[in-house]
Amino acid sequence: MKDRLGIETLLLSLVVGLGLLVHGCDGDDGPSLPPPNLAGTAILDLKLLEAPADLLNLTAPPADAYPGYTPVYMDLNEGTGGNYVWLYYKLGPADGSEGTPLGEIYTVDETDGEKPKSKDDTVLPNNLNSGSVVEGNRIFLAFKSSDWPVVRGIAVANIDSSDNSTMIQYAPPNVEGKYPVVWVQERKNDGWSTSMPGPWEPSPQDLNEGTSFALFYVTDYNYIGYCVDQEVYDWLQER
């Protein structure tokens, strides 16, 4: 009986010790998320509008396509010869009083076998390479909603393959220079990247991936990012 009590005591001590070890490790996962800053505005929702390139000779996204939403004047499918794919965003209070803001924007490359990060995330239904001359990867834009951190704005970059000129659009325009940009990176990276040099490095997700054909038909590079508070950006870099 005495030996049995000794064994049970030893087992209990091991279980408690293991629990303390696991609990201690939980606190060492990385830096703590900065305190919420819910002042000002944030991006509440995103939509995409797809249209054939020759439809009514459109050269810009229709301003009234989605009431309450503002278009970004940059074709996410620029340079592929395919359909226009225009992004629209809804802006509102960051405190969630008019809807939960976005907390992250990312891509889902179905050709690479990617899935949404969570079943609660939103994946927009338009293939970003829709109608391209060379059928590229099936890439979709996705986002997750979050009380904190929040997405303050969006940045879209186009690098013209003909002259390597770069154009970046910010939405809303006043986020430029006010917030740092988290550029969406490739989720499956084999260590080899053909990205153009710029602030989006090291391995940004080219929204036109797969639409070029060797050296004979080279499409533009299109990248997307989202703006966050400086303390959130620093936290993401340290994780």
C-alpha atoms as a PDB file:
ATOM      1  CA  MET A   1       0.000   0.000   0.000  1.00  0.00           C
ATOM      2  CA  LYS A   2       2.815   2.347   0.909  1.00  0.00           C
ATOM      3  CA  ASP A   3       4.602   1.589  -2.404  1.00  0.00           C
ATOM      4  CA  ARG A   4       1.372   2.231  -4.321  1.00  0.00           C
ATOM      5  CA  LEU A   5       0.931   5.650  -2.673  1.00  0.00           C
ATOM      6  CA  GLY A   6       4.512   6.496  -3.529  1.00  0.00           C
ATOM      7  CA  ILE A   7       3.997   5.617  -7.205  1.00  0.00           C
ATOM      8  CA  GLU A   8       0.747   7.638  -7.376  1.00  0.00           C
ATOM      9  CA  THR A   9       2.480  10.625  -5.794  1.00  0.00           C
ATOM     10  CA  LEU A  10       5.307  10.384  -8.302  1.00  0.00           C
ATOM     11  CA  LEU A  11       2.884  10.189 -11.247  1.00  0.00           C
ATOM     12  CA  LEU A  12       0.929  13.175  -9.940  1.00  0.00           C
ATOM     13  CA  SER A  13       4.131  15.193  -9.638  1.00  0.00           C
ATOM     14  CA  LEU A  14       5.077  14.341 -13.223  1.00  0.00           C
ATOM     15  CA  VAL A  15       1.651  15.385 -14.533  1.00  0.00           C
ATOM     16  CA  VAL A  16       1.751  18.697 -12.645  1.00  0.00           C
ATOM     17  CA  GLY A  17       5.297  19.354 -13.802  1.00  0.00           C
ATOM     18  CA  LEU A  18       4.359  18.650 -17.431  1.00  0.00           C
ATOM     19  CA  GLY A  19       1.396  20.994 -17.142  1.00  0.00           C
ATOM     20  CA  LEU A  20       3.596  23.777 -15.801  1.00  0.00           C
ATOM     21  CA  LEU A  21       6.068  23.192 -18.615  1.00  0.00           C
ATOM     22  CA  VAL A  22       3.377  23.412 -21.296  1.00  0.00           C
ATOM     23  CA  HIS A  23       1.870  26.501 -19.687  1.00  0.00           C
ATOM     24  CA  GLY A  24       5.287  28.112 -19.545  1.00  0.00           C
ATOM     25  CA  CYS A  25       5.885  27.425 -23.233  1.00  0.00           C
ATOM     26  CA  ASP A  26       2.584  29.112 -24.139  1.00  0.00           C
ATOM     27  CA  GLY A  27       3.996  32.389 -22.889  1.00  0.00           C
ATOM     28  CA  ASP A  28       7.115  32.072 -25.065  1.00  0.00           C
ATOM     29  CA  ASP A  29       5.384  31.926 -28.470  1.00  0.00           C
ATOM     30  CA  GLY A  30       6.414  35.452 -29.368  1.00  0.00           C
ATOM     31  CA  PRO A  31       5.749  39.096 -28.606  1.00  0.00           C
ATOM     32  CA  SER A  32       2.370  40.101 -27.269  1.00  0.00           C
ATOM     33  CA  LEU A  33      -0.173  41.738 -29.548  1.00  0.00           C
ATOM     34  CA  PRO A  34      -0.124  45.501 -28.973  1.00  0.00           C
ATOM     35  CA  PRO A  35      -3.102  47.042 -27.159  1.00  0.00           C
ATOM     36  CA  PRO A  36      -6.084  47.829 -29.396  1.00  0.00           C
ATOM     37  CA  ASN A  37      -6.169  51.195 -31.120  1.00  0.00           C
ATOM     38  CA  LEU A  38      -9.689  51.471 -32.496  1.00  0.00           C
ATOM     39  CA  ALA A  39      -9.682  55.166 -33.275  1.00  0.00           C
ATOM     40  CA  GLY A  40     -10.206  56.303 -36.843  1.00  0.00           C
ATOM     41  CA  THR A  41     -11.316  54.173 -39.771  1.00  0.00           C
ATOM     42  CA  ALA A  42     -10.603  50.712 -41.162  1.00  0.00           C
ATOM     43  CA  ILE A  43     -11.521  48.542 -44.135  1.00  0.00           C
ATOM     44  CA  LEU A  44     -14.795  46.734 -43.388  1.00  0.00           C
ATOM     45  CA  ASP A  45     -15.325  44.709 -46.552  1.00  0.00           C
ATOM     46  CA  LEU A  46     -14.008  43.956 -50.041  1.00  0.00           C
ATOM     47  CA  LYS A  47     -15.680  43.070 -53.332  1.00  0.00           C
ATOM     48  CA  LEU A  48     -14.415  42.362 -56.829  1.00  0.00           C
ATOM     49  CA  LEU A  49     -15.941  43.374 -60.156  1.00  0.00           C
ATOM     50  CA  GLU A  50     -14.990  41.379 -63.239  1.00  0.00           C
ATOM     51  CA  ALA A  51     -15.700  42.599 -66.764  1.00  0.00           C
ATOM     52  CA  PRO A  52     -14.478  41.693 -70.269  1.00  0.00           C
ATOM     53  CA  ALA A  53     -11.782  44.092 -71.398  1.00  0.00           C
ATOM     54  CA  ASP A  54     -13.846  45.346 -74.370  1.00  0.00           C
ATOM     55  CA  LEU A  55     -17.160  45.761 -72.510  1.00  0.00           C
ATOM     56  CA  LEU A  56     -18.453  49.269 -73.339  1.00  0.00           C
ATOM     57  CA  ASN A  57     -14.816  50.311 -73.802  1.00  0.00           C
ATOM     58  CA  LEU A  58     -14.376  50.634 -70.051  1.00  0.00           C
ATOM     59  CA  THR A  59     -11.014  51.986 -68.935  1.00  0.00           C
ATOM     60  CA  ALA A  60     -11.832  52.458 -65.246  1.00  0.00           C
ATOM     61  CA  PRO A  61     -14.021  50.709 -62.669  1.00  0.00           C
ATOM     62  CA  PRO A  62     -17.610  52.006 -62.522  1.00  0.00           C
ATOM     63  CA  ALA A  63     -17.878  54.208 -59.448  1.00  0.00           C
ATOM     64  CA  ASP A  64     -21.417  53.041 -58.604  1.00  0.00           C
ATOM     65  CA  ALA A  65     -21.037  49.282 -59.046  1.00  0.00           C
ATOM     66  CA  TYR A  66     -21.485  48.617 -55.315  1.00  0.00           C
ATOM     67  CA  PRO A  67     -23.289  51.311 -53.299  1.00  0.00           C
ATOM     68  CA  GLY A  68     -21.237  52.257 -50.247  1.00  0.00           C
ATOM     69  CA  TYR A  69     -18.040  50.874 -51.757  1.00  0.00           C
ATOM     70  CA  THR A  70     -15.175  52.749 -53.417  1.00  0.00           C
ATOM     71  CA  PRO A  71     -13.186  51.338 -56.354  1.00  0.00           C
ATOM     72  CA  VAL A  72      -9.411  51.045 -56.499  1.00  0.00           C
ATOM     73  CA  TYR A  73      -8.284  52.390 -59.864  1.00  0.00           C
ATOM     74  CA  MET A  74      -5.970  49.495 -60.632  1.00  0.00           C
ATOM     75  CA  ASP A  75      -6.787  46.352 -62.609  1.00  0.00           C
ATOM     76  CA  LEU A  76      -5.643  43.342 -60.557  1.00  0.00           C
ATOM     77  CA  ASN A  77      -5.355  41.428 -63.843  1.00  0.00           C
ATOM     78  CA  GLU A  78      -3.392  44.159 -65.633  1.00  0.00           C
ATOM     79  CA  GLY A  79      -1.102  43.047 -68.438  1.00  0.00           C
ATOM     80  CA  THR A  80      -2.480  39.542 -69.086  1.00  0.00           C
ATOM     81  CA  GLY A  81      -4.893  40.389 -71.909  1.00  0.00           C
ATOM     82  CA  GLY A  82      -7.723  39.008 -69.788  1.00  0.00           C
ATOM     83  CA  ASN A  83     -10.753  40.428 -68.037  1.00  0.00           C
ATOM     84  CA  TYR A  84     -10.683  43.502 -65.873  1.00  0.00           C
ATOM     85  CA  VAL A  85     -10.670  42.558 -62.182  1.00  0.00           C
ATOM     86  CA  TRP A  86     -11.346  45.633 -60.067  1.00  0.00           C
ATOM     87  CA  LEU A  87     -11.260  45.830 -56.283  1.00  0.00           C
ATOM     88  CA  TYR A  88     -13.846  47.750 -54.232  1.00  0.00           C
ATOM     89  CA  TYR A  89     -13.588  48.498 -50.531  1.00  0.00           C
ATOM     90  CA  LYS A  90     -15.936  49.652 -47.790  1.00  0.00           C
ATOM     91  CA  LEU A  91     -14.580  52.028 -45.175  1.00  0.00           C
ATOM     92  CA  GLY A  92     -16.008  52.491 -41.680  1.00  0.00           C
ATOM     93  CA  PRO A  93     -15.205  53.013 -38.002  1.00  0.00           C
ATOM     94  CA  ALA A  94     -12.380  50.849 -36.674  1.00  0.00           C
ATOM     95  CA  ASP A  95     -14.306  50.249 -33.441  1.00  0.00           C
ATOM     96  CA  GLY A  96     -16.648  47.812 -35.179  1.00  0.00           C
ATOM     97  CA  SER A  97     -19.771  49.896 -34.644  1.00  0.00           C
ATOM     98  CA  GLU A  98     -20.711  49.490 -38.333  1.00  0.00           C
ATOM     99  CA  GLY A  99     -19.243  46.059 -38.940  1.00  0.00           C
ATOM    100  CA  THR A 100     -16.171  44.023 -38.007  1.00  0.00           C
ATOM    101  CA  PRO A 101     -13.070  45.341 -39.820  1.00  0.00           C
ATOM    102  CA  LEU A 102     -10.648  43.241 -41.807  1.00  0.00           C
ATOM    103  CA  GLY A 103      -7.645  41.949 -39.900  1.00  0.00           C
ATOM    104  CA  GLU A 104      -5.668  40.335 -42.726  1.00  0.00           C
ATOM    105  CA  ILE A 105      -5.683  40.044 -46.522  1.00  0.00           C
ATOM    106  CA  TYR A 106      -4.101  37.064 -48.265  1.00  0.00           C
ATOM    107  CA  THR A 107      -4.348  34.959 -51.417  1.00  0.00           C
ATOM    108  CA  VAL A 108      -5.498  31.419 -52.117  1.00  0.00           C
ATOM    109  CA  ASP A 109      -3.592  29.850 -55.014  1.00  0.00           C
ATOM    110  CA  GLU A 110      -5.720  26.836 -55.913  1.00  0.00           C
ATOM    111  CA  THR A 111      -3.175  25.715 -58.518  1.00  0.00           C
ATOM    112  CA  ASP A 112      -0.652  25.304 -55.696  1.00  0.00           C
ATOM    113  CA  GLY A 113      -3.220  23.430 -53.615  1.00  0.00           C
ATOM    114  CA  GLU A 114      -3.818  26.262 -51.149  1.00  0.00           C
ATOM    115  CA  LYS A 115      -6.954  26.515 -49.026  1.00  0.00           C
ATOM    116  CA  PRO A 116      -8.446  29.313 -46.907  1.00  0.00           C
ATOM    117  CA  LYS A 117      -6.583  29.730 -43.637  1.00  0.00           C
ATOM    118  CA  SER A 118      -9.819  29.367 -41.684  1.00  0.00           C
ATOM    119  CA  LYS A 119     -13.369  28.262 -42.451  1.00  0.00           C
ATOM    120  CA  ASP A 120     -14.545  31.632 -41.153  1.00  0.00           C
ATOM    121  CA  ASP A 121     -12.487  33.595 -43.689  1.00  0.00           C
ATOM    122  CA  THR A 122     -14.001  35.111 -46.832  1.00  0.00           C
ATOM    123  CA  VAL A 123     -12.696  34.050 -50.248  1.00  0.00           C
ATOM    124  CA  LEU A 124     -13.890  36.283 -53.072  1.00  0.00           C
ATOM    125  CA  PRO A 125     -15.177  34.182 -56.009  1.00  0.00           C
ATOM    126  CA  ASN A 126     -13.310  35.849 -58.910  1.00  0.00           C
ATOM    127  CA  ASN A 127     -10.170  34.262 -60.318  1.00  0.00           C
ATOM    128  CA  LEU A 128      -7.613  37.082 -60.432  1.00  0.00           C
ATOM    129  CA  ASN A 129      -6.269  35.684 -63.740  1.00  0.00           C
ATOM    130  CA  SER A 130      -9.665  35.408 -65.392  1.00  0.00           C
ATOM    131  CA  GLY A 131      -9.542  35.306 -69.191  1.00  0.00           C
ATOM    132  CA  SER A 132      -5.758  35.708 -69.429  1.00  0.00           C
ATOM    133  CA  VAL A 133      -4.194  34.911 -72.816  1.00  0.00           C
ATOM    134  CA  VAL A 134      -2.013  32.260 -71.186  1.00  0.00           C
ATOM    135  CA  GLU A 135      -4.000  30.385 -68.570  1.00  0.00           C
ATOM    136  CA  GLY A 136      -2.245  31.115 -65.315  1.00  0.00           C
ATOM    137  CA  ASN A 137      -2.676  29.967 -61.750  1.00  0.00           C
ATOM    138  CA  ARG A 138      -6.154  30.139 -60.261  1.00  0.00           C
ATOM    139  CA  ILE A 139      -5.588  32.758 -57.568  1.00  0.00           C
ATOM    140  CA  PHE A 140      -8.284  34.183 -55.325  1.00  0.00           C
ATOM    141  CA  LEU A 141      -8.286  37.079 -52.884  1.00  0.00           C
ATOM    142  CA  ALA A 142      -9.222  36.246 -49.291  1.00  0.00           C
ATOM    143  CA  PHE A 143      -9.517  38.048 -45.999  1.00  0.00           C
ATOM    144  CA  LYS A 144     -10.312  37.464 -42.367  1.00  0.00           C
ATOM    145  CA  SER A 145     -12.277  39.783 -40.113  1.00  0.00           C
ATOM    146  CA  SER A 146     -10.915  40.852 -36.749  1.00  0.00           C
ATOM    147  CA  ASP A 147     -11.793  43.123 -33.846  1.00  0.00           C
ATOM    148  CA  TRP A 148      -8.047  43.822 -33.589  1.00  0.00           C
ATOM    149  CA  PRO A 149      -5.686  44.250 -35.337  1.00  0.00           C
ATOM    150  CA  VAL A 150      -7.436  46.092 -38.153  1.00  0.00           C
ATOM    151  CA  VAL A 151      -6.615  46.854 -41.786  1.00  0.00           C
ATOM    152  CA  ARG A 152      -6.368  50.613 -42.289  1.00  0.00           C
ATOM    153  CA  GLY A 153      -6.006  50.605 -46.060  1.00  0.00           C
ATOM    154  CA  ILE A 154      -4.879  48.763 -49.180  1.00  0.00           C
ATOM    155  CA  ALA A 155      -1.939  49.116 -51.556  1.00  0.00           C
ATOM    156  CA  VAL A 156      -1.853  47.676 -55.077  1.00  0.00           C
ATOM    157  CA  ALA A 157       1.333  47.691 -57.169  1.00  0.00           C
ATOM    158  CA  ASN A 158       1.751  47.158 -60.914  1.00  0.00           C
ATOM    159  CA  ILE A 159       5.144  46.689 -62.557  1.00  0.00           C
ATOM    160  CA  ASP A 160       4.834  47.097 -66.325  1.00  0.00           C
ATOM    161  CA  SER A 161       6.823  44.339 -68.005  1.00  0.00           C
ATOM    162  CA  SER A 162       7.548  46.464 -71.084  1.00  0.00           C
ATOM    163  CA  ASP A 163       9.598  49.106 -69.275  1.00  0.00           C
ATOM    164  CA  ASN A 164       9.722  47.959 -65.619  1.00  0.00           C
ATOM    165  CA  SER A 165       7.901  51.114 -64.528  1.00  0.00           C
ATOM    166  CA  THR A 166       6.068  50.848 -61.208  1.00  0.00           C
ATOM    167  CA  MET A 167       2.740  52.312 -60.164  1.00  0.00           C
ATOM    168  CA  ILE A 168       1.282  51.962 -56.665  1.00  0.00           C
ATOM    169  CA  GLN A 169      -2.269  52.929 -55.747  1.00  0.00           C
ATOM    170  CA  TYR A 170      -3.376  53.403 -52.130  1.00  0.00           C
ATOM    171  CA  ALA A 171      -6.930  53.107 -50.885  1.00  0.00           C
ATOM    172  CA  PRO A 172      -8.062  55.296 -49.333  1.00  0.00           C
ATOM    173  CA  PRO A 173      -5.416  57.682 -50.707  1.00  0.00           C
ATOM    174  CA  ASN A 174      -4.633  59.242 -47.304  1.00  0.00           C
ATOM    175  CA  VAL A 175      -3.073  56.011 -45.956  1.00  0.00           C
ATOM    176  CA  GLU A 176      -0.003  56.525 -48.157  1.00  0.00           C
ATOM    177  CA  GLY A 177       2.938  57.350 -45.936  1.00  0.00           C
ATOM    178  CA  LYS A 178       0.785  57.199 -42.808  1.00  0.00           C
ATOM    179  CA  TYR A 179       0.805  53.430 -42.278  1.00  0.00           C
ATOM    180  CA  PRO A 180       3.345  50.740 -43.223  1.00  0.00           C
ATOM    181  CA  VAL A 181       2.292  48.142 -45.782  1.00  0.00           C
ATOM    182  CA  VAL A 182       2.210  44.380 -45.221  1.00  0.00           C
ATOM    183  CA  TRP A 183       2.676  42.994 -48.738  1.00  0.00           C
ATOM    184  CA  VAL A 184       0.943  39.661 -49.326  1.00  0.00           C
ATOM    185  CA  GLN A 185       3.572  36.944 -49.664  1.00  0.00           C
ATOM    186  CA  GLU A 186       3.538  33.573 -51.371  1.00  0.00           C
ATOM    187  CA  ARG A 187       2.153  31.015 -48.957  1.00  0.00           C
ATOM    188  CA  LYS A 188       4.041  28.132 -50.587  1.00  0.00           C
ATOM    189  CA  ASN A 189       7.566  29.294 -51.250  1.00  0.00           C
ATOM    190  CA  ASP A 190      10.184  26.940 -52.674  1.00  0.00           C
ATOM    191  CA  GLY A 191      12.942  29.464 -52.046  1.00  0.00           C
ATOM    192  CA  TRP A 192      13.010  30.610 -55.664  1.00  0.00           C
ATOM    193  CA  SER A 193      11.300  33.869 -56.563  1.00  0.00           C
ATOM    194  CA  THR A 194      10.987  35.879 -59.790  1.00  0.00           C
ATOM    195  CA  SER A 195       9.657  38.961 -58.030  1.00  0.00           C
ATOM    196  CA  MET A 196      10.712  42.420 -59.047  1.00  0.00           C
ATOM    197  CA  PRO A 197      12.797  44.331 -56.477  1.00  0.00           C
ATOM    198  CA  GLY A 198      10.851  46.671 -54.239  1.00  0.00           C
ATOM    199  CA  PRO A 199       9.277  47.155 -50.812  1.00  0.00           C
ATOM    200  CA  TRP A 200       7.172  44.001 -51.289  1.00  0.00           C
ATOM    201  CA  GLU A 201      10.126  41.595 -50.994  1.00  0.00           C
ATOM    202  CA  PRO A 202      11.140  38.873 -50.184  1.00  0.00           C
ATOM    203  CA  SER A 203       8.555  36.620 -51.921  1.00  0.00           C
ATOM    204  CA  PRO A 204       5.429  38.576 -52.825  1.00  0.00           C
ATOM    205  CA  GLN A 205       2.522  36.774 -54.420  1.00  0.00           C
ATOM    206  CA  ASP A 206       2.326  37.815 -58.066  1.00  0.00           C
ATOM    207  CA  LEU A 207      -1.389  38.008 -58.811  1.00  0.00           C
ATOM    208  CA  ASN A 208      -0.524  37.169 -62.448  1.00  0.00           C
ATOM    209  CA  GLU A 209       1.489  34.062 -61.592  1.00  0.00           C
ATOM    210  CA  GLY A 210       1.685  31.590 -64.458  1.00  0.00           C
ATOM    211  CA  THR A 211       0.366  33.909 -67.176  1.00  0.00           C
ATOM    212  CA  SER A 212       3.728  34.472 -68.910  1.00  0.00           C
ATOM    213  CA  PHE A 213       5.095  32.175 -71.597  1.00  0.00           C
ATOM    214  CA  ALA A 214       8.865  31.756 -71.403  1.00  0.00           C
ATOM    215  CA  LEU A 215      10.579  34.893 -72.735  1.00  0.00           C
ATOM    216  CA  PHE A 216       8.166  35.376 -75.623  1.00  0.00           C
ATOM    217  CA  TYR A 217       5.150  36.650 -73.671  1.00  0.00           C
ATOM    218  CA  VAL A 218       5.871  38.317 -70.334  1.00  0.00           C
ATOM    219  CA  THR A 219       2.972  39.773 -68.366  1.00  0.00           C
ATOM    220  CA  ASP A 220       2.992  42.492 -65.723  1.00  0.00           C
ATOM    221  CA  TYR A 221       3.669  41.858 -62.065  1.00  0.00           C
ATOM    222  CA  ASN A 222       0.768  42.765 -59.769  1.00  0.00           C
ATOM    223  CA  TYR A 223       1.118  42.784 -55.980  1.00  0.00           C
ATOM    224  CA  ILE A 224      -1.309  43.625 -53.192  1.00  0.00           C
ATOM    225  CA  GLY A 225      -0.744  44.646 -49.589  1.00  0.00           C
ATOM    226  CA  TYR A 226      -2.612  46.059 -46.641  1.00  0.00           C
ATOM    227  CA  CYS A 227      -1.841  48.938 -44.280  1.00  0.00           C
ATOM    228  CA  VAL A 228      -1.731  48.546 -40.507  1.00  0.00           C
ATOM    229  CA  ASP A 229      -0.709  50.642 -37.503  1.00  0.00           C
ATOM    230  CA  GLN A 230       3.051  50.850 -36.970  1.00  0.00           C
ATOM    231  CA  GLU A 231       2.915  48.864 -33.719  1.00  0.00           C
ATOM    232  CA  VAL A 232       0.987  46.082 -35.461  1.00  0.00           C
ATOM    233  CA  TYR A 233       3.509  46.050 -38.315  1.00  0.00           C
ATOM    234  CA  ASP A 234       6.359  45.739 -35.817  1.00  0.00           C
ATOM    235  CA  TRP A 235       4.544  42.913 -34.026  1.00  0.00           C
ATOM    236  CA  LEU A 236       4.034  41.028 -37.304  1.00  0.00           C
ATOM    237  CA  GLN A 237       7.719  41.402 -38.201  1.00  0.00           C
ATOM    238  CA  GLU A 238       8.801  39.963 -34.830  1.00  0.00           C
ATOM    239  CA  ARG A 239       6.539  36.925 -34.913  1.00  0.00           C
END
